[in-house]
Amino acid sequence: MRKIIQYAKYGSCDRDTPIPPEVSWISLTVKGKDSRVTSESLLTPEEFGRIVKAAENPGTGL
């Protein structure tokens, strides 16, 4: 979100571009947590299919 607002306000996301004050409070670092994606954290093809089906047919639930 920070980068989107930065680009919208200043037209750039370079390191030299200031962070707008509206979003400067948003932290981009995760302390003490390994943020790498693992295969266990990804959706299975079945889960993905269920989400798509639910989106196509609201009210059917997952």
N, C-alpha and C. Protein backbone atom coordinates (compact mmCIF):
# COMPACT_ATOMS: atom_id res chain seq x y z
N MET A 1 0.82 -1.17 0.00
CA MET A 1 0.00 0.00 0.00
C MET A 1 0.88 1.25 0.00
N ARG A 2 1.97 1.19 0.75
CA ARG A 2 2.87 2.34 0.81
C ARG A 2 3.39 2.72 -0.57
N LYS A 3 3.81 1.72 -1.33
CA LYS A 3 4.38 1.98 -2.65
C LYS A 3 3.32 2.50 -3.63
N ILE A 4 2.10 2.02 -3.53
CA ILE A 4 1.03 2.49 -4.41
C ILE A 4 0.76 3.98 -4.16
N ILE A 5 0.63 4.35 -2.88
CA ILE A 5 0.39 5.74 -2.52
C ILE A 5 1.58 6.61 -2.91
N GLN A 6 2.78 6.11 -2.69
CA GLN A 6 3.99 6.84 -3.06
C GLN A 6 4.00 7.12 -4.56
N TYR A 7 3.67 6.12 -5.36
CA TYR A 7 3.65 6.29 -6.81
C TYR A 7 2.53 7.24 -7.23
N ALA A 8 1.36 7.09 -6.62
CA ALA A 8 0.23 7.95 -6.97
C ALA A 8 0.52 9.42 -6.64
N LYS A 9 1.20 9.66 -5.55
CA LYS A 9 1.44 11.03 -5.11
C LYS A 9 2.64 11.67 -5.80
N TYR A 10 3.72 10.88 -6.00
CA TYR A 10 4.96 11.44 -6.53
C TYR A 10 5.35 10.91 -7.91
N GLY A 11 4.66 9.87 -8.39
CA GLY A 11 4.97 9.35 -9.72
C GLY A 11 6.20 8.47 -9.78
N SER A 12 6.71 8.05 -8.63
CA SER A 12 7.90 7.23 -8.59
C SER A 12 7.96 6.45 -7.29
N CYS A 13 8.65 5.31 -7.34
CA CYS A 13 8.86 4.49 -6.14
C CYS A 13 10.34 4.31 -5.85
N ASP A 14 11.18 5.15 -6.45
CA ASP A 14 12.62 5.06 -6.23
C ASP A 14 12.96 5.28 -4.77
N ARG A 15 14.15 4.83 -4.39
CA ARG A 15 14.60 5.02 -3.01
C ARG A 15 14.71 6.50 -2.64
N ASP A 16 14.97 7.35 -3.64
CA ASP A 16 15.12 8.78 -3.39
C ASP A 16 13.78 9.50 -3.25
N THR A 17 12.70 8.84 -3.62
CA THR A 17 11.37 9.44 -3.54
C THR A 17 10.89 9.38 -2.09
N PRO A 18 10.43 10.50 -1.55
CA PRO A 18 9.97 10.48 -0.15
C PRO A 18 8.71 9.64 0.03
N ILE A 19 8.56 9.09 1.22
CA ILE A 19 7.35 8.35 1.58
C ILE A 19 6.30 9.38 2.01
N PRO A 20 5.10 9.35 1.43
CA PRO A 20 4.07 10.31 1.84
C PRO A 20 3.72 10.14 3.32
N PRO A 21 3.45 11.24 4.01
CA PRO A 21 3.14 11.15 5.44
C PRO A 21 1.90 10.32 5.74
N GLU A 22 0.98 10.23 4.78
CA GLU A 22 -0.24 9.46 4.99
C GLU A 22 0.02 7.98 5.23
N VAL A 23 1.14 7.48 4.70
CA VAL A 23 1.44 6.05 4.82
C VAL A 23 2.79 5.78 5.49
N SER A 24 3.42 6.82 6.02
CA SER A 24 4.75 6.64 6.62
C SER A 24 4.72 5.77 7.87
N TRP A 25 3.56 5.62 8.48
CA TRP A 25 3.42 4.82 9.70
C TRP A 25 3.41 3.32 9.41
N ILE A 26 3.23 2.93 8.14
CA ILE A 26 3.18 1.51 7.78
C ILE A 26 4.59 0.94 7.77
N SER A 27 4.81 -0.11 8.53
CA SER A 27 6.12 -0.75 8.61
C SER A 27 6.25 -1.82 7.52
N LEU A 28 7.41 -1.87 6.89
CA LEU A 28 7.64 -2.85 5.84
C LEU A 28 8.48 -4.03 6.31
N THR A 29 8.89 -4.03 7.55
CA THR A 29 9.73 -5.11 8.04
C THR A 29 8.93 -6.04 8.95
N VAL A 30 9.32 -7.29 8.93
CA VAL A 30 8.73 -8.28 9.83
C VAL A 30 9.83 -8.70 10.78
N LYS A 31 9.64 -8.44 12.05
CA LYS A 31 10.68 -8.72 13.04
C LYS A 31 10.54 -10.13 13.59
N GLY A 32 11.62 -10.86 13.55
CA GLY A 32 11.67 -12.17 14.18
C GLY A 32 10.85 -13.25 13.50
N LYS A 33 10.48 -13.05 12.25
CA LYS A 33 9.69 -14.05 11.56
C LYS A 33 10.31 -14.35 10.20
N ASP A 34 10.40 -15.61 9.88
CA ASP A 34 10.90 -16.01 8.58
C ASP A 34 9.76 -15.83 7.58
N SER A 35 9.90 -14.88 6.67
CA SER A 35 8.81 -14.55 5.76
C SER A 35 8.91 -15.27 4.41
N ARG A 36 9.78 -16.26 4.31
CA ARG A 36 9.87 -16.99 3.05
C ARG A 36 8.64 -17.85 2.85
N VAL A 37 8.23 -17.99 1.60
CA VAL A 37 7.06 -18.79 1.27
C VAL A 37 7.46 -20.26 1.27
N THR A 38 6.65 -21.08 1.92
CA THR A 38 6.89 -22.52 1.92
C THR A 38 5.77 -23.21 1.15
N SER A 39 6.02 -24.41 0.72
CA SER A 39 5.00 -25.15 -0.03
C SER A 39 3.76 -25.41 0.82
N GLU A 40 3.94 -25.51 2.14
CA GLU A 40 2.79 -25.75 3.02
C GLU A 40 1.87 -24.55 3.12
N SER A 41 2.40 -23.34 2.87
CA SER A 41 1.58 -22.14 3.00
C SER A 41 0.81 -21.80 1.72
N LEU A 42 1.08 -22.51 0.63
CA LEU A 42 0.41 -22.23 -0.63
C LEU A 42 -0.93 -22.97 -0.71
N LEU A 43 -1.83 -22.44 -1.52
CA LEU A 43 -3.11 -23.12 -1.74
C LEU A 43 -2.90 -24.37 -2.57
N THR A 44 -3.66 -25.39 -2.27
CA THR A 44 -3.65 -26.58 -3.10
C THR A 44 -4.55 -26.31 -4.31
N PRO A 45 -4.41 -27.07 -5.39
CA PRO A 45 -5.31 -26.88 -6.53
C PRO A 45 -6.78 -27.04 -6.14
N GLU A 46 -7.06 -27.93 -5.21
CA GLU A 46 -8.44 -28.13 -4.76
C GLU A 46 -8.97 -26.91 -4.02
N GLU A 47 -8.14 -26.34 -3.13
CA GLU A 47 -8.55 -25.14 -2.40
C GLU A 47 -8.80 -23.97 -3.36
N PHE A 48 -7.92 -23.82 -4.33
CA PHE A 48 -8.08 -22.76 -5.32
C PHE A 48 -9.38 -22.94 -6.09
N GLY A 49 -9.65 -24.16 -6.52
CA GLY A 49 -10.89 -24.45 -7.25
C GLY A 49 -12.12 -24.13 -6.43
N ARG A 50 -12.09 -24.45 -5.14
CA ARG A 50 -13.22 -24.16 -4.26
C ARG A 50 -13.44 -22.66 -4.11
N ILE A 51 -12.35 -21.90 -4.03
CA ILE A 51 -12.45 -20.44 -3.92
C ILE A 51 -13.04 -19.86 -5.20
N VAL A 52 -12.57 -20.32 -6.34
CA VAL A 52 -13.09 -19.83 -7.62
C VAL A 52 -14.57 -20.18 -7.75
N LYS A 53 -14.93 -21.40 -7.41
CA LYS A 53 -16.32 -21.82 -7.51
C LYS A 53 -17.21 -20.98 -6.59
N ALA A 54 -16.75 -20.70 -5.37
CA ALA A 54 -17.52 -19.89 -4.44
C ALA A 54 -17.67 -18.46 -4.95
N ALA A 55 -16.63 -17.93 -5.60
CA ALA A 55 -16.68 -16.58 -6.14
C ALA A 55 -17.66 -16.50 -7.31
N GLU A 56 -17.73 -17.56 -8.10
CA GLU A 56 -18.65 -17.59 -9.24
C GLU A 56 -20.09 -17.78 -8.78
N ASN A 57 -20.30 -18.44 -7.64
CA ASN A 57 -21.64 -18.74 -7.13
C ASN A 57 -21.77 -18.25 -5.70
N PRO A 58 -21.91 -16.92 -5.51
CA PRO A 58 -22.02 -16.43 -4.13
C PRO A 58 -23.19 -17.06 -3.41
N GLY A 59 -22.98 -17.33 -2.15
CA GLY A 59 -24.02 -17.94 -1.35
C GLY A 59 -23.87 -19.45 -1.21
N THR A 60 -22.99 -20.06 -2.01
CA THR A 60 -22.80 -21.51 -1.90
C THR A 60 -21.79 -21.85 -0.81
N GLY A 61 -20.96 -20.86 -0.43
CA GLY A 61 -19.96 -21.08 0.62
C GLY A 61 -18.81 -21.92 0.15
N LEU A 62 -17.85 -22.08 1.02
CA LEU A 62 -16.69 -22.91 0.70
C LEU A 62 -16.95 -24.23 1.27
